Amino acid sequence: MSSQTKYLIIQSAINLFNKYGIKNVRVQDIASEAGISPGNLTYHFRTKKDLMPSIRRYMIKMLDTMSFGDRVFEDGLEGMKVVKAYLVYLEKFRFFYLDTLEIIREYPEIKETHQQQIKIEIQSILNLINYVQRKDYLRSEAFEGQFNSLADQIWMTLHFWLLNREIRGEVGSGVEEGLLAVANLFYPHCTPFGREKYEELKVLIYSEDFM
């Protein structure tokens, strides 16, 4: 029961943080959302500051369980399906990606794990870039480190995608637009074969089957 209550608290906090932002949500609000007493909540998490590391661990666990195995290496388009799933993940935890800097300043214990996660994500992107290059989707590097730079650009596009939409006042999911923005970063590096795949992708990303 205790673990179920903790899970309920974490889910309720995420729902409220996504709607109102962390700073605008009180412990009492989370308890009300979870349908439990404030005392029951503080038994598990004394303060909101105590709750945040558990939420971050839950986020990392969710990312780890998004196991795609070798799907990313079956075909270049499969790799883009993984990118789409990651954009959906960002939406699920939108509060974190809208206020990342504030959060890691307020909760320094999260900072190190988040920075480590960034390194893992950029390396995963670089692995995909190198793979599709070997499959003749991309030209070879024009200079040493070009793909590292491309991996950084793709990571920044993904990580700040939600913030960009929020600032522009854009509504709706926008997952497809986010995916196309990433594909567009690949395009200048594409071989003729890769450009054919890009055109296929533009059609597929708006298809219900593309997942």
N, C-alpha and C. Protein backbone atom coordinates (compact mmCIF):
# COMPACT_ATOMS: atom_id res chain seq x y z
N MET A 1 0.83 -1.21 0.00
CA MET A 1 0.00 0.00 0.00
C MET A 1 0.86 1.25 0.00
N SER A 2 1.95 1.20 0.78
CA SER A 2 2.83 2.36 0.87
C SER A 2 3.40 2.74 -0.50
N SER A 3 3.86 1.73 -1.28
CA SER A 3 4.43 2.00 -2.59
C SER A 3 3.36 2.51 -3.55
N GLN A 4 2.12 2.01 -3.41
CA GLN A 4 1.03 2.48 -4.25
C GLN A 4 0.71 3.94 -3.95
N THR A 5 0.75 4.29 -2.66
CA THR A 5 0.48 5.68 -2.27
C THR A 5 1.56 6.61 -2.81
N LYS A 6 2.81 6.18 -2.71
CA LYS A 6 3.91 6.99 -3.25
C LYS A 6 3.75 7.20 -4.75
N TYR A 7 3.37 6.13 -5.44
CA TYR A 7 3.17 6.23 -6.89
C TYR A 7 2.04 7.22 -7.20
N LEU A 8 0.95 7.16 -6.42
CA LEU A 8 -0.18 8.06 -6.61
C LEU A 8 0.24 9.51 -6.37
N ILE A 9 1.04 9.73 -5.34
CA ILE A 9 1.53 11.07 -5.04
C ILE A 9 2.39 11.61 -6.18
N ILE A 10 3.29 10.77 -6.68
CA ILE A 10 4.17 11.18 -7.78
C ILE A 10 3.36 11.53 -9.02
N GLN A 11 2.40 10.67 -9.37
CA GLN A 11 1.56 10.94 -10.55
C GLN A 11 0.75 12.21 -10.38
N SER A 12 0.21 12.42 -9.18
CA SER A 12 -0.60 13.62 -8.92
C SER A 12 0.26 14.87 -9.00
N ALA A 13 1.46 14.79 -8.46
CA ALA A 13 2.37 15.94 -8.50
C ALA A 13 2.73 16.28 -9.95
N ILE A 14 3.04 15.27 -10.75
CA ILE A 14 3.38 15.50 -12.16
C ILE A 14 2.22 16.17 -12.89
N ASN A 15 1.00 15.68 -12.65
CA ASN A 15 -0.18 16.28 -13.30
C ASN A 15 -0.31 17.76 -12.97
N LEU A 16 -0.14 18.09 -11.69
CA LEU A 16 -0.28 19.49 -11.27
C LEU A 16 0.89 20.34 -11.75
N PHE A 17 2.10 19.79 -11.68
CA PHE A 17 3.28 20.54 -12.15
C PHE A 17 3.14 20.87 -13.63
N ASN A 18 2.63 19.91 -14.40
CA ASN A 18 2.44 20.15 -15.84
C ASN A 18 1.43 21.26 -16.10
N LYS A 19 0.41 21.33 -15.25
CA LYS A 19 -0.65 22.34 -15.44
C LYS A 19 -0.23 23.73 -14.96
N TYR A 20 0.44 23.77 -13.80
CA TYR A 20 0.64 25.05 -13.14
C TYR A 20 2.10 25.43 -12.89
N GLY A 21 3.03 24.50 -13.10
CA GLY A 21 4.43 24.76 -12.77
C GLY A 21 4.71 24.41 -11.31
N ILE A 22 5.93 24.01 -11.03
CA ILE A 22 6.28 23.54 -9.68
C ILE A 22 6.02 24.60 -8.62
N LYS A 23 6.44 25.83 -8.87
CA LYS A 23 6.36 26.87 -7.84
C LYS A 23 4.93 27.21 -7.45
N ASN A 24 3.99 26.95 -8.34
CA ASN A 24 2.59 27.31 -8.08
C ASN A 24 1.78 26.19 -7.46
N VAL A 25 2.44 25.07 -7.13
CA VAL A 25 1.74 23.92 -6.56
C VAL A 25 2.21 23.71 -5.12
N ARG A 26 1.25 23.60 -4.20
CA ARG A 26 1.57 23.36 -2.79
C ARG A 26 1.40 21.87 -2.47
N VAL A 27 1.99 21.48 -1.34
CA VAL A 27 1.83 20.10 -0.87
C VAL A 27 0.34 19.78 -0.70
N GLN A 28 -0.42 20.74 -0.18
CA GLN A 28 -1.86 20.53 0.02
C GLN A 28 -2.57 20.27 -1.31
N ASP A 29 -2.12 20.94 -2.35
CA ASP A 29 -2.72 20.74 -3.68
C ASP A 29 -2.47 19.32 -4.17
N ILE A 30 -1.25 18.84 -3.96
CA ILE A 30 -0.90 17.48 -4.40
C ILE A 30 -1.73 16.46 -3.64
N ALA A 31 -1.89 16.67 -2.32
CA ALA A 31 -2.70 15.76 -1.51
C ALA A 31 -4.14 15.73 -2.01
N SER A 32 -4.68 16.90 -2.32
CA SER A 32 -6.06 16.98 -2.82
C SER A 32 -6.19 16.25 -4.16
N GLU A 33 -5.22 16.46 -5.04
CA GLU A 33 -5.23 15.79 -6.35
C GLU A 33 -5.15 14.28 -6.20
N ALA A 34 -4.39 13.83 -5.21
CA ALA A 34 -4.22 12.38 -4.98
C ALA A 34 -5.38 11.78 -4.19
N GLY A 35 -6.23 12.64 -3.60
CA GLY A 35 -7.35 12.14 -2.82
C GLY A 35 -6.94 11.60 -1.47
N ILE A 36 -5.87 12.16 -0.89
CA ILE A 36 -5.40 11.73 0.42
C ILE A 36 -5.25 12.96 1.31
N SER A 37 -5.05 12.73 2.59
CA SER A 37 -4.89 13.84 3.52
C SER A 37 -3.47 14.41 3.41
N PRO A 38 -3.29 15.70 3.72
CA PRO A 38 -1.94 16.26 3.73
C PRO A 38 -1.00 15.50 4.66
N GLY A 39 -1.55 15.02 5.77
CA GLY A 39 -0.72 14.26 6.71
C GLY A 39 -0.23 12.95 6.11
N ASN A 40 -1.08 12.31 5.33
CA ASN A 40 -0.69 11.07 4.66
C ASN A 40 0.43 11.34 3.66
N LEU A 41 0.30 12.45 2.93
CA LEU A 41 1.34 12.80 1.96
C LEU A 41 2.66 13.09 2.66
N THR A 42 2.62 13.91 3.72
CA THR A 42 3.88 14.28 4.39
C THR A 42 4.49 13.12 5.15
N TYR A 43 3.72 12.07 5.38
CA TYR A 43 4.29 10.84 5.96
C TYR A 43 5.29 10.23 4.97
N HIS A 44 4.96 10.32 3.68
CA HIS A 44 5.83 9.75 2.64
C HIS A 44 6.88 10.76 2.15
N PHE A 45 6.45 12.00 1.99
CA PHE A 45 7.35 13.06 1.52
C PHE A 45 7.09 14.30 2.37
N ARG A 46 8.03 14.61 3.26
CA ARG A 46 7.81 15.67 4.24
C ARG A 46 7.56 17.02 3.59
N THR A 47 8.28 17.28 2.51
CA THR A 47 8.13 18.55 1.79
C THR A 47 8.17 18.29 0.28
N LYS A 48 7.85 19.31 -0.48
CA LYS A 48 7.95 19.21 -1.93
C LYS A 48 9.40 18.97 -2.35
N LYS A 49 10.32 19.54 -1.59
CA LYS A 49 11.74 19.35 -1.88
C LYS A 49 12.14 17.87 -1.73
N ASP A 50 11.51 17.18 -0.77
CA ASP A 50 11.77 15.75 -0.59
C ASP A 50 11.15 14.91 -1.70
N LEU A 51 10.10 15.43 -2.30
CA LEU A 51 9.38 14.70 -3.35
C LEU A 51 10.12 14.73 -4.68
N MET A 52 10.79 15.84 -4.99
CA MET A 52 11.36 16.03 -6.32
C MET A 52 12.37 14.95 -6.73
N PRO A 53 13.31 14.53 -5.86
CA PRO A 53 14.24 13.47 -6.29
C PRO A 53 13.52 12.18 -6.70
N SER A 54 12.42 11.87 -6.01
CA SER A 54 11.66 10.66 -6.36
C SER A 54 11.00 10.82 -7.73
N ILE A 55 10.51 12.02 -8.01
CA ILE A 55 9.92 12.27 -9.33
C ILE A 55 10.99 12.14 -10.41
N ARG A 56 12.16 12.67 -10.15
CA ARG A 56 13.25 12.59 -11.13
C ARG A 56 13.67 11.14 -11.36
N ARG A 57 13.73 10.35 -10.29
CA ARG A 57 14.07 8.93 -10.44
C ARG A 57 13.00 8.21 -11.26
N TYR A 58 11.75 8.58 -11.04
CA TYR A 58 10.65 7.99 -11.82
C TYR A 58 10.79 8.35 -13.30
N MET A 59 11.15 9.59 -13.58
CA MET A 59 11.35 10.02 -14.96
C MET A 59 12.45 9.21 -15.65
N ILE A 60 13.56 9.03 -14.93
CA ILE A 60 14.68 8.27 -15.50
C ILE A 60 14.28 6.81 -15.73
N LYS A 61 13.53 6.27 -14.77
CA LYS A 61 13.06 4.88 -14.91
C LYS A 61 12.17 4.74 -16.13
N MET A 62 11.28 5.72 -16.33
CA MET A 62 10.40 5.70 -17.50
C MET A 62 11.22 5.73 -18.79
N LEU A 63 12.26 6.54 -18.80
CA LEU A 63 13.10 6.63 -19.98
C LEU A 63 13.83 5.32 -20.23
N ASP A 64 14.30 4.70 -19.14
CA ASP A 64 15.00 3.43 -19.27
C ASP A 64 14.09 2.32 -19.77
N THR A 65 12.81 2.36 -19.35
CA THR A 65 11.89 1.29 -19.76
C THR A 65 11.37 1.49 -21.18
N MET A 66 11.65 2.65 -21.78
CA MET A 66 11.30 2.85 -23.19
C MET A 66 12.33 2.10 -24.03
N SER A 67 12.37 0.80 -23.84
CA SER A 67 13.40 -0.03 -24.47
C SER A 67 13.01 -0.34 -25.91
N PHE A 68 13.80 0.15 -26.83
CA PHE A 68 13.54 -0.09 -28.24
C PHE A 68 14.48 -1.15 -28.81
N GLY A 69 15.36 -1.68 -27.94
CA GLY A 69 16.27 -2.70 -28.38
C GLY A 69 17.03 -2.28 -29.61
N ASP A 70 17.02 -3.14 -30.63
CA ASP A 70 17.73 -2.84 -31.87
C ASP A 70 16.84 -2.18 -32.91
N ARG A 71 15.62 -1.75 -32.51
CA ARG A 71 14.73 -1.10 -33.47
C ARG A 71 15.40 0.10 -34.12
N VAL A 72 16.17 0.83 -33.30
CA VAL A 72 16.80 2.04 -33.81
C VAL A 72 17.78 1.72 -34.93
N PHE A 73 18.25 0.47 -34.98
CA PHE A 73 19.23 0.10 -35.98
C PHE A 73 18.67 -0.78 -37.10
N GLU A 74 17.34 -0.97 -37.12
CA GLU A 74 16.75 -1.76 -38.19
C GLU A 74 16.71 -0.97 -39.50
N ASP A 75 16.43 0.31 -39.35
CA ASP A 75 16.28 1.16 -40.53
C ASP A 75 16.34 2.59 -40.04
N GLY A 76 16.79 3.50 -40.88
CA GLY A 76 16.89 4.89 -40.47
C GLY A 76 15.57 5.47 -40.00
N LEU A 77 14.47 5.07 -40.67
CA LEU A 77 13.16 5.57 -40.28
C LEU A 77 12.76 5.05 -38.91
N GLU A 78 13.21 3.85 -38.56
CA GLU A 78 12.94 3.33 -37.22
C GLU A 78 13.57 4.21 -36.16
N GLY A 79 14.75 4.73 -36.46
CA GLY A 79 15.41 5.63 -35.53
C GLY A 79 14.58 6.87 -35.27
N MET A 80 13.89 7.36 -36.30
CA MET A 80 13.05 8.54 -36.14
C MET A 80 11.80 8.21 -35.33
N LYS A 81 11.37 6.96 -35.34
CA LYS A 81 10.26 6.56 -34.48
C LYS A 81 10.66 6.67 -33.02
N VAL A 82 11.90 6.35 -32.74
CA VAL A 82 12.42 6.49 -31.38
C VAL A 82 12.41 7.97 -30.98
N VAL A 83 12.80 8.84 -31.91
CA VAL A 83 12.78 10.27 -31.64
C VAL A 83 11.35 10.73 -31.34
N LYS A 84 10.38 10.23 -32.09
CA LYS A 84 8.99 10.60 -31.86
C LYS A 84 8.54 10.16 -30.47
N ALA A 85 8.90 8.94 -30.09
CA ALA A 85 8.54 8.45 -28.76
C ALA A 85 9.17 9.31 -27.66
N TYR A 86 10.38 9.80 -27.93
CA TYR A 86 11.05 10.67 -26.95
C TYR A 86 10.31 12.00 -26.82
N LEU A 87 9.80 12.54 -27.92
CA LEU A 87 9.03 13.77 -27.87
C LEU A 87 7.75 13.59 -27.05
N VAL A 88 7.14 12.43 -27.17
CA VAL A 88 5.95 12.12 -26.37
C VAL A 88 6.33 12.06 -24.89
N TYR A 89 7.50 11.51 -24.61
CA TYR A 89 8.02 11.46 -23.23
C TYR A 89 8.21 12.87 -22.68
N LEU A 90 8.76 13.77 -23.48
CA LEU A 90 8.95 15.15 -23.04
C LEU A 90 7.61 15.80 -22.68
N GLU A 91 6.59 15.50 -23.46
CA GLU A 91 5.27 16.05 -23.16
C GLU A 91 4.73 15.52 -21.84
N LYS A 92 4.99 14.26 -21.56
CA LYS A 92 4.50 13.65 -20.31
C LYS A 92 5.11 14.36 -19.10
N PHE A 93 6.33 14.83 -19.23
CA PHE A 93 7.01 15.51 -18.13
C PHE A 93 7.35 16.96 -18.53
N ARG A 94 6.39 17.61 -19.15
CA ARG A 94 6.63 18.93 -19.73
C ARG A 94 7.10 19.94 -18.69
N PHE A 95 6.64 19.83 -17.44
CA PHE A 95 7.04 20.79 -16.41
C PHE A 95 8.55 20.85 -16.26
N PHE A 96 9.20 19.69 -16.37
CA PHE A 96 10.65 19.63 -16.16
C PHE A 96 11.38 20.32 -17.31
N TYR A 97 10.89 20.15 -18.51
CA TYR A 97 11.59 20.69 -19.68
C TYR A 97 11.22 22.15 -19.96
N LEU A 98 10.16 22.64 -19.32
CA LEU A 98 9.84 24.06 -19.41
C LEU A 98 10.63 24.88 -18.38
N ASP A 99 10.99 24.24 -17.27
CA ASP A 99 11.64 24.96 -16.17
C ASP A 99 12.92 24.28 -15.70
N THR A 100 13.66 23.68 -16.64
CA THR A 100 14.84 22.90 -16.26
C THR A 100 15.83 23.70 -15.43
N LEU A 101 16.18 24.89 -15.88
CA LEU A 101 17.20 25.68 -15.18
C LEU A 101 16.74 26.03 -13.77
N GLU A 102 15.49 26.44 -13.62
CA GLU A 102 14.96 26.75 -12.29
C GLU A 102 15.01 25.53 -11.39
N ILE A 103 14.65 24.38 -11.94
CA ILE A 103 14.57 23.15 -11.15
C ILE A 103 15.96 22.74 -10.65
N ILE A 104 16.96 22.75 -11.54
CA ILE A 104 18.27 22.30 -11.09
C ILE A 104 18.93 23.32 -10.17
N ARG A 105 18.49 24.57 -10.24
CA ARG A 105 18.97 25.56 -9.27
C ARG A 105 18.32 25.34 -7.91
N GLU A 106 17.03 25.03 -7.94
CA GLU A 106 16.27 24.84 -6.70
C GLU A 106 16.57 23.51 -6.04
N TYR A 107 16.88 22.50 -6.88
CA TYR A 107 17.13 21.14 -6.39
C TYR A 107 18.49 20.67 -6.91
N PRO A 108 19.58 21.14 -6.31
CA PRO A 108 20.93 20.83 -6.82
C PRO A 108 21.25 19.34 -6.85
N GLU A 109 20.55 18.54 -6.03
CA GLU A 109 20.80 17.10 -6.03
C GLU A 109 20.36 16.47 -7.35
N ILE A 110 19.50 17.16 -8.09
CA ILE A 110 19.03 16.66 -9.38
C ILE A 110 20.00 17.02 -10.50
N LYS A 111 20.77 18.08 -10.29
CA LYS A 111 21.62 18.65 -11.34
C LYS A 111 22.58 17.61 -11.92
N GLU A 112 23.29 16.90 -11.05
CA GLU A 112 24.31 15.96 -11.53
C GLU A 112 23.70 14.83 -12.33
N THR A 113 22.60 14.27 -11.85
CA THR A 113 21.97 13.16 -12.58
C THR A 113 21.43 13.64 -13.92
N HIS A 114 20.92 14.87 -13.94
CA HIS A 114 20.40 15.39 -15.21
C HIS A 114 21.53 15.62 -16.21
N GLN A 115 22.64 16.15 -15.74
CA GLN A 115 23.78 16.37 -16.65
C GLN A 115 24.31 15.05 -17.18
N GLN A 116 24.30 14.02 -16.34
CA GLN A 116 24.73 12.70 -16.80
C GLN A 116 23.77 12.16 -17.83
N GLN A 117 22.47 12.40 -17.62
CA GLN A 117 21.46 11.95 -18.57
C GLN A 117 21.63 12.65 -19.91
N ILE A 118 21.99 13.92 -19.88
CA ILE A 118 22.22 14.66 -21.13
C ILE A 118 23.34 14.01 -21.93
N LYS A 119 24.43 13.63 -21.26
CA LYS A 119 25.54 12.98 -21.95
C LYS A 119 25.10 11.69 -22.62
N ILE A 120 24.27 10.92 -21.91
CA ILE A 120 23.77 9.66 -22.45
C ILE A 120 22.91 9.91 -23.68
N GLU A 121 22.05 10.92 -23.60
CA GLU A 121 21.15 11.24 -24.71
C GLU A 121 21.92 11.70 -25.94
N ILE A 122 22.91 12.56 -25.74
CA ILE A 122 23.70 13.05 -26.88
C ILE A 122 24.48 11.91 -27.51
N GLN A 123 25.00 11.02 -26.68
CA GLN A 123 25.74 9.87 -27.23
C GLN A 123 24.81 8.96 -28.03
N SER A 124 23.57 8.78 -27.56
CA SER A 124 22.60 7.97 -28.29
C SER A 124 22.29 8.59 -29.65
N ILE A 125 22.15 9.92 -29.68
CA ILE A 125 21.91 10.62 -30.95
C ILE A 125 23.11 10.44 -31.87
N LEU A 126 24.31 10.57 -31.32
CA LEU A 126 25.52 10.41 -32.13
C LEU A 126 25.62 8.99 -32.68
N ASN A 127 25.23 8.00 -31.88
CA ASN A 127 25.23 6.61 -32.35
C ASN A 127 24.30 6.45 -33.55
N LEU A 128 23.12 7.08 -33.47
CA LEU A 128 22.17 7.01 -34.58
C LEU A 128 22.74 7.70 -35.82
N ILE A 129 23.36 8.87 -35.64
CA ILE A 129 23.94 9.60 -36.78
C ILE A 129 25.00 8.73 -37.46
N ASN A 130 25.88 8.15 -36.67
CA ASN A 130 26.94 7.32 -37.24
C ASN A 130 26.37 6.10 -37.95
N TYR A 131 25.30 5.54 -37.39
CA TYR A 131 24.70 4.36 -38.02
C TYR A 131 24.10 4.71 -39.37
N VAL A 132 23.29 5.79 -39.42
CA VAL A 132 22.64 6.11 -40.70
C VAL A 132 23.67 6.59 -41.72
N GLN A 133 24.78 7.12 -41.25
CA GLN A 133 25.86 7.48 -42.20
C GLN A 133 26.44 6.21 -42.82
N ARG A 134 26.63 5.18 -42.01
CA ARG A 134 27.15 3.91 -42.55
C ARG A 134 26.15 3.24 -43.49
N LYS A 135 24.86 3.55 -43.32
CA LYS A 135 23.83 3.01 -44.21
C LYS A 135 23.67 3.85 -45.47
N ASP A 136 24.54 4.87 -45.63
CA ASP A 136 24.54 5.73 -46.82
C ASP A 136 23.37 6.70 -46.85
N TYR A 137 22.80 7.02 -45.68
CA TYR A 137 21.78 8.06 -45.61
C TYR A 137 22.45 9.44 -45.54
N LEU A 138 23.62 9.48 -44.91
CA LEU A 138 24.33 10.74 -44.73
C LEU A 138 25.70 10.69 -45.38
N ARG A 139 26.16 11.87 -45.84
CA ARG A 139 27.53 11.96 -46.34
C ARG A 139 28.51 11.85 -45.18
N SER A 140 29.75 11.56 -45.50
CA SER A 140 30.79 11.53 -44.47
C SER A 140 30.99 12.94 -43.91
N GLU A 141 31.58 13.02 -42.75
CA GLU A 141 31.85 14.32 -42.13
C GLU A 141 32.71 15.18 -43.05
N ALA A 142 32.33 16.43 -43.18
CA ALA A 142 33.13 17.38 -43.96
C ALA A 142 34.35 17.83 -43.17
N PHE A 143 34.26 17.73 -41.85
CA PHE A 143 35.39 18.05 -40.98
C PHE A 143 35.24 17.24 -39.69
N GLU A 144 36.33 17.02 -39.02
CA GLU A 144 36.30 16.23 -37.79
C GLU A 144 35.43 16.92 -36.74
N GLY A 145 34.52 16.16 -36.17
CA GLY A 145 33.64 16.69 -35.13
C GLY A 145 32.32 17.23 -35.65
N GLN A 146 32.10 17.14 -36.96
CA GLN A 146 30.85 17.67 -37.53
C GLN A 146 29.63 16.93 -36.97
N PHE A 147 29.72 15.62 -36.86
CA PHE A 147 28.59 14.85 -36.35
C PHE A 147 28.37 15.09 -34.86
N ASN A 148 29.44 15.36 -34.13
CA ASN A 148 29.28 15.72 -32.72
C ASN A 148 28.46 17.01 -32.60
N SER A 149 28.78 17.96 -33.48
CA SER A 149 28.05 19.22 -33.49
C SER A 149 26.59 19.00 -33.87
N LEU A 150 26.35 18.13 -34.84
CA LEU A 150 24.98 17.82 -35.27
C LEU A 150 24.21 17.16 -34.12
N ALA A 151 24.86 16.25 -33.40
CA ALA A 151 24.21 15.60 -32.25
C ALA A 151 23.81 16.63 -31.20
N ASP A 152 24.69 17.61 -30.94
CA ASP A 152 24.37 18.69 -29.99
C ASP A 152 23.16 19.49 -30.47
N GLN A 153 23.14 19.81 -31.78
CA GLN A 153 22.02 20.60 -32.33
C GLN A 153 20.70 19.84 -32.20
N ILE A 154 20.75 18.55 -32.47
CA ILE A 154 19.53 17.73 -32.37
C ILE A 154 19.07 17.66 -30.93
N TRP A 155 20.02 17.47 -30.00
CA TRP A 155 19.65 17.42 -28.59
C TRP A 155 19.00 18.73 -28.15
N MET A 156 19.58 19.85 -28.54
CA MET A 156 19.03 21.14 -28.15
C MET A 156 17.64 21.34 -28.73
N THR A 157 17.43 20.92 -29.97
CA THR A 157 16.12 21.03 -30.60
C THR A 157 15.09 20.22 -29.82
N LEU A 158 15.46 19.00 -29.42
CA LEU A 158 14.55 18.16 -28.66
C LEU A 158 14.28 18.72 -27.27
N HIS A 159 15.36 19.08 -26.57
CA HIS A 159 15.24 19.47 -25.17
C HIS A 159 14.46 20.76 -25.01
N PHE A 160 14.62 21.70 -25.96
CA PHE A 160 13.97 23.00 -25.83
C PHE A 160 12.76 23.14 -26.74
N TRP A 161 12.32 22.03 -27.30
CA TRP A 161 11.18 22.03 -28.21
C TRP A 161 9.92 22.55 -27.52
N LEU A 162 9.63 22.06 -26.31
CA LEU A 162 8.43 22.48 -25.59
C LEU A 162 8.51 23.95 -25.18
N LEU A 163 9.67 24.35 -24.70
CA LEU A 163 9.85 25.74 -24.29
C LEU A 163 9.65 26.68 -25.48
N ASN A 164 10.18 26.30 -26.62
CA ASN A 164 10.03 27.10 -27.83
C ASN A 164 8.55 27.26 -28.19
N ARG A 165 7.78 26.18 -28.12
CA ARG A 165 6.35 26.24 -28.44
C ARG A 165 5.61 27.11 -27.43
N GLU A 166 5.99 26.99 -26.16
CA GLU A 166 5.33 27.78 -25.12
C GLU A 166 5.56 29.27 -25.33
N ILE A 167 6.81 29.63 -25.63
CA ILE A 167 7.15 31.04 -25.85
C ILE A 167 6.40 31.61 -27.05
N ARG A 168 6.25 30.79 -28.09
CA ARG A 168 5.56 31.24 -29.30
C ARG A 168 4.04 31.22 -29.18
N GLY A 169 3.55 30.65 -28.08
CA GLY A 169 2.10 30.58 -27.89
C GLY A 169 1.44 29.54 -28.75
N GLU A 170 2.19 28.52 -29.16
CA GLU A 170 1.62 27.48 -30.02
C GLU A 170 0.86 26.49 -29.16
N VAL A 171 -0.27 26.01 -29.68
CA VAL A 171 -1.14 25.10 -28.93
C VAL A 171 -1.12 23.73 -29.58
N GLY A 172 -1.62 22.75 -28.84
CA GLY A 172 -1.65 21.39 -29.35
C GLY A 172 -0.36 20.66 -29.08
N SER A 173 -0.33 19.42 -29.51
CA SER A 173 0.82 18.57 -29.23
C SER A 173 2.07 19.02 -29.96
N GLY A 174 2.00 19.08 -31.28
CA GLY A 174 3.16 19.50 -32.05
C GLY A 174 4.26 18.47 -32.15
N VAL A 175 3.97 17.22 -31.77
CA VAL A 175 4.99 16.17 -31.84
C VAL A 175 5.49 16.00 -33.27
N GLU A 176 4.57 16.01 -34.22
CA GLU A 176 4.96 15.82 -35.62
C GLU A 176 5.88 16.95 -36.09
N GLU A 177 5.53 18.19 -35.69
CA GLU A 177 6.38 19.32 -36.07
C GLU A 177 7.76 19.22 -35.44
N GLY A 178 7.80 18.73 -34.20
CA GLY A 178 9.09 18.54 -33.54
C GLY A 178 9.94 17.51 -34.25
N LEU A 179 9.29 16.43 -34.68
CA LEU A 179 10.00 15.39 -35.40
C LEU A 179 10.52 15.90 -36.73
N LEU A 180 9.71 16.69 -37.43
CA LEU A 180 10.14 17.24 -38.72
C LEU A 180 11.30 18.21 -38.52
N ALA A 181 11.29 18.96 -37.42
CA ALA A 181 12.39 19.88 -37.13
C ALA A 181 13.70 19.12 -36.97
N VAL A 182 13.64 17.95 -36.34
CA VAL A 182 14.84 17.12 -36.20
C VAL A 182 15.27 16.58 -37.55
N ALA A 183 14.31 16.08 -38.33
CA ALA A 183 14.63 15.55 -39.66
C ALA A 183 15.27 16.62 -40.54
N ASN A 184 14.82 17.87 -40.38
CA ASN A 184 15.37 18.97 -41.18
C ASN A 184 16.84 19.23 -40.85
N LEU A 185 17.24 18.92 -39.62
CA LEU A 185 18.65 19.08 -39.25
C LEU A 185 19.52 18.04 -39.97
N PHE A 186 18.95 16.88 -40.24
CA PHE A 186 19.68 15.84 -40.97
C PHE A 186 19.82 16.19 -42.46
N TYR A 187 18.79 16.86 -43.00
CA TYR A 187 18.66 16.99 -44.45
C TYR A 187 19.90 17.55 -45.15
N PRO A 188 20.53 18.63 -44.66
CA PRO A 188 21.70 19.16 -45.39
C PRO A 188 22.86 18.16 -45.50
N HIS A 189 22.84 17.14 -44.67
CA HIS A 189 23.93 16.15 -44.66
C HIS A 189 23.57 14.89 -45.43
N CYS A 190 22.36 14.85 -46.00
CA CYS A 190 21.86 13.63 -46.63
C CYS A 190 22.51 13.37 -47.99
N THR A 191 22.69 12.11 -48.28
CA THR A 191 23.04 11.67 -49.62
C THR A 191 21.75 11.69 -50.45
N PRO A 192 21.82 11.50 -51.78
CA PRO A 192 20.59 11.38 -52.58
C PRO A 192 19.65 10.30 -52.04
N PHE A 193 20.23 9.18 -51.60
CA PHE A 193 19.43 8.10 -51.02
C PHE A 193 18.77 8.58 -49.72
N GLY A 194 19.53 9.30 -48.90
CA GLY A 194 18.99 9.83 -47.66
C GLY A 194 17.87 10.82 -47.89
N ARG A 195 17.96 11.60 -48.97
CA ARG A 195 16.91 12.57 -49.27
C ARG A 195 15.62 11.87 -49.69
N GLU A 196 15.76 10.73 -50.34
CA GLU A 196 14.57 9.93 -50.67
C GLU A 196 13.88 9.49 -49.38
N LYS A 197 14.68 9.05 -48.41
CA LYS A 197 14.13 8.61 -47.13
C LYS A 197 13.50 9.78 -46.38
N TYR A 198 14.10 10.95 -46.51
CA TYR A 198 13.54 12.15 -45.89
C TYR A 198 12.14 12.44 -46.44
N GLU A 199 11.98 12.33 -47.75
CA GLU A 199 10.67 12.58 -48.35
C GLU A 199 9.65 11.54 -47.87
N GLU A 200 10.10 10.30 -47.71
CA GLU A 200 9.22 9.26 -47.16
C GLU A 200 8.79 9.63 -45.75
N LEU A 201 9.75 10.11 -44.97
CA LEU A 201 9.49 10.45 -43.59
C LEU A 201 8.45 11.56 -43.47
N LYS A 202 8.54 12.56 -44.32
CA LYS A 202 7.61 13.69 -44.26
C LYS A 202 6.16 13.22 -44.42
N VAL A 203 5.97 12.18 -45.22
CA VAL A 203 4.63 11.62 -45.40
C VAL A 203 4.23 10.76 -44.20
N LEU A 204 5.19 9.98 -43.70
CA LEU A 204 4.90 9.00 -42.66
C LEU A 204 4.62 9.61 -41.29
N ILE A 205 5.27 10.72 -40.96
CA ILE A 205 5.16 11.21 -39.58
C ILE A 205 3.74 11.65 -39.22
N TYR A 206 2.93 11.95 -40.20
CA TYR A 206 1.55 12.34 -39.91
C TYR A 206 0.59 11.13 -40.01
N SER A 207 1.17 9.95 -40.19
CA SER A 207 0.39 8.73 -40.28
C SER A 207 0.22 8.12 -38.89
N GLU A 208 -0.96 7.56 -38.62
CA GLU A 208 -1.21 6.90 -37.35
C GLU A 208 -0.31 5.68 -37.15
N ASP A 209 0.19 5.13 -38.24
CA ASP A 209 1.02 3.94 -38.16
C ASP A 209 2.46 4.28 -37.76
N PHE A 210 2.80 5.56 -37.78
CA PHE A 210 4.19 5.94 -37.50
C PHE A 210 4.41 6.05 -36.00
N MET A 211 4.64 4.88 -35.37
CA MET A 211 4.89 4.83 -33.94
C MET A 211 5.50 3.51 -33.58
